[in-house]
């Protein structure tokens, strides 16, 4: 069973410049590497290889994607959850948090795969961090949870939908680790877990620092605010 949370209705109040820049950067890099052989060389040289960790590849790997489907899936979730998180944090802090969550995702992936020579690429750890932040900032927002195998769609709060999604990541990551099948599944689930946990912690820090309260005060009279 796979579960995917889909935001239903949570309007933003400012232009999402940080999301625009991240979407454009990821898309342009993917297009730039479309030439035969260019992508393979980039994945090998700039992907995060646990057996040869470096701070440079921790960050360059976030902007590389193995396929068009990989890219589009990540950009979809970046757009869906990132705009509201940026609305609360502002563009500069949003991008910094995005990168930090991605780095935490890479760190946990490294912890479980320190000897691996397979490059890890993609923005999934960073985007999972945004989902953690979204859960903390907008726990009651309207959200649908889509289950596959079998297909089923149900409406619930962001707290419930994202919580179930995270539980699935933990269960799958643990099961693949225990069965030795992770080498055959091209998804860095522990990076999802690491990024998400970083997002939860950062979200709690921002709430403590008053970011959420100031956001709610600013838009308290705006119809449609979902928290």
Foldseek 3Di string as FASTA:
>chain_A
DAKDKFFDFADFDDDQVLLVVLLVQLVVVAVVQPPPPSLVVCLLPQFAFLQDGDPRSLQSQASHDDDPVQSVVLSVLCVRQVRRLCSLVPNPVSNVLLSVQSSQLSVQLSVLPNNGRRGHHHSLSSSLLSLLLSCLLFQAGWMWMFDVPPTDIDIGGSVVRNVVNLVVLVVVVVVCSVVVVVVVDNDSSSSSNRSNVSSNVVNVVCVVVPSSVVSCVVCVPPPRHGD
